């Protein structure tokens, strides 16, 4: 079995960018995070997943990590808006679909 090195990162931390696929999750539920954690443990790919909650009130950090990200996923019920980022999507019920599609395609979405 291949050892994966996926990481979950929260403010104020950042990690040195490497070959991991980098995703920012905004206002993901605890259930979403748990599902993604299980998925990452079973995946052969490595992910850096930045977690941001609207009540963190650290927009400078959020701006910095969105510039590092391959994709930004924002819960559709979130009040957080990020302007000027073209690689963002709203998610509703199944944020895990993004990771499954990326894993299956082996290409950045």
Protein backbone atom coordinates (compact mmCIF):
# COMPACT_ATOMS: atom_id res chain seq x y z
CA UNK A 1 0.00 0.00 0.00
CA UNK A 2 1.23 3.47 -0.87
CA UNK A 3 1.76 5.93 1.97
CA UNK A 4 -0.15 9.16 1.32
CA UNK A 5 0.80 12.52 2.72
CA UNK A 6 -2.42 14.49 2.62
CA UNK A 7 -2.61 17.41 5.04
CA UNK A 8 -5.45 19.41 6.56
CA UNK A 9 -4.41 22.99 7.35
CA UNK A 10 -6.21 25.73 9.30
CA UNK A 11 -5.40 29.39 10.00
CA UNK A 12 -2.87 30.73 10.68
CA UNK A 13 -0.79 27.87 9.26
CA UNK A 14 0.40 27.34 5.71
CA UNK A 15 2.56 24.62 4.24
CA UNK A 16 5.33 24.81 1.69
CA UNK A 17 3.71 24.20 -1.72
CA UNK A 18 4.79 20.94 -3.30
CA UNK A 19 3.27 18.47 -5.72
CA UNK A 20 0.17 17.88 -3.60
CA UNK A 21 -3.15 18.92 -5.15
CA UNK A 22 -4.20 21.97 -3.12
CA UNK A 23 -7.83 22.70 -2.28
CA UNK A 24 -9.39 25.38 -0.08
CA UNK A 25 -12.65 24.32 1.59
CA UNK A 26 -14.79 27.17 2.87
CA UNK A 27 -17.43 26.40 5.49
CA UNK A 28 -17.30 22.64 5.06
CA UNK A 29 -19.33 20.77 7.66
CA UNK A 30 -17.67 18.40 10.13
CA UNK A 31 -19.30 15.55 8.20
CA UNK A 32 -17.76 16.81 4.93
CA UNK A 33 -14.34 16.98 6.54
CA UNK A 34 -14.68 13.48 7.98
CA UNK A 35 -15.67 12.05 4.57
CA UNK A 36 -12.75 13.78 2.86
CA UNK A 37 -10.38 12.55 5.56
CA UNK A 38 -11.44 8.92 4.95
CA UNK A 39 -11.18 9.49 1.21
CA UNK A 40 -7.66 10.92 1.48
CA UNK A 41 -6.55 7.98 3.60
CA UNK A 42 -7.68 5.58 0.85
CA UNK A 43 -6.44 7.66 -2.09
CA UNK A 44 -3.10 7.21 -3.84
CA UNK A 45 -2.90 10.97 -4.39
CA UNK A 46 -1.75 13.59 -1.92
CA UNK A 47 -3.83 16.62 -1.01
CA UNK A 48 -3.24 19.83 0.91
CA UNK A 49 -6.65 20.89 2.16
CA UNK A 50 -6.97 24.34 3.68
CA UNK A 51 -10.04 24.61 5.92
CA UNK A 52 -11.66 28.00 6.47
CA UNK A 53 -14.79 28.83 8.47
CA UNK A 54 -16.53 32.15 7.97
CA UNK A 55 -16.21 32.99 11.65
CA UNK A 56 -12.38 32.74 11.54
CA UNK A 57 -12.25 36.37 10.38
CA UNK A 58 -8.84 36.01 8.73
CA UNK A 59 -9.39 37.19 5.17
CA UNK A 60 -5.69 37.89 4.68
CA UNK A 61 -4.91 34.20 5.29
CA UNK A 62 -7.81 33.13 3.07
CA UNK A 63 -6.55 35.35 0.24
CA UNK A 64 -3.04 33.95 0.57
CA UNK A 65 -4.10 30.30 0.50
CA UNK A 66 -6.54 30.78 -2.38
CA UNK A 67 -3.54 32.00 -4.40
CA UNK A 68 -1.81 28.69 -3.64
CA UNK A 69 -4.86 26.56 -4.40
CA UNK A 70 -5.64 24.48 -7.45
CA UNK A 71 -9.32 24.82 -6.56
CA UNK A 72 -11.52 26.60 -4.02
CA UNK A 73 -14.74 24.94 -2.88
CA UNK A 74 -17.28 27.08 -1.04
CA UNK A 75 -20.33 25.70 0.73
CA UNK A 76 -23.35 27.22 -1.02
CA UNK A 77 -24.79 28.24 2.35
CA UNK A 78 -21.61 30.17 3.21
CA UNK A 79 -21.63 33.93 3.57
CA UNK A 80 -17.95 34.08 2.54
CA UNK A 81 -17.27 35.50 -0.92
CA UNK A 82 -13.95 35.54 -2.67
CA UNK A 83 -13.59 37.87 -5.63
CA UNK A 84 -11.08 37.51 -8.42
CA UNK A 85 -10.65 33.74 -8.05
CA UNK A 86 -11.58 31.83 -11.18
CA UNK A 87 -10.97 28.36 -9.82
CA UNK A 88 -13.83 28.27 -7.32
CA UNK A 89 -17.03 26.27 -7.16
CA UNK A 90 -20.00 26.23 -4.85
CA UNK A 91 -20.86 22.88 -3.31
CA UNK A 92 -24.02 21.76 -1.63
CA UNK A 93 -24.53 18.17 -0.57
CA UNK A 94 -21.51 16.27 -1.82
CA UNK A 95 -18.13 17.99 -1.70
CA UNK A 96 -16.58 14.53 -1.86
CA UNK A 97 -17.55 14.34 -5.57
CA UNK A 98 -14.82 16.86 -6.42
CA UNK A 99 -12.14 14.69 -4.85
CA UNK A 100 -13.49 11.51 -6.44
CA UNK A 101 -13.53 13.11 -9.91
CA UNK A 102 -10.01 14.44 -9.50
CA UNK A 103 -8.77 11.10 -8.22
CA UNK A 104 -10.45 9.21 -11.09
CA UNK A 105 -9.25 11.55 -13.84
CA UNK A 106 -5.69 12.04 -12.57
CA UNK A 107 -5.94 15.56 -14.00
CA UNK A 108 -6.61 18.86 -12.38
CA UNK A 109 -10.20 19.94 -12.77
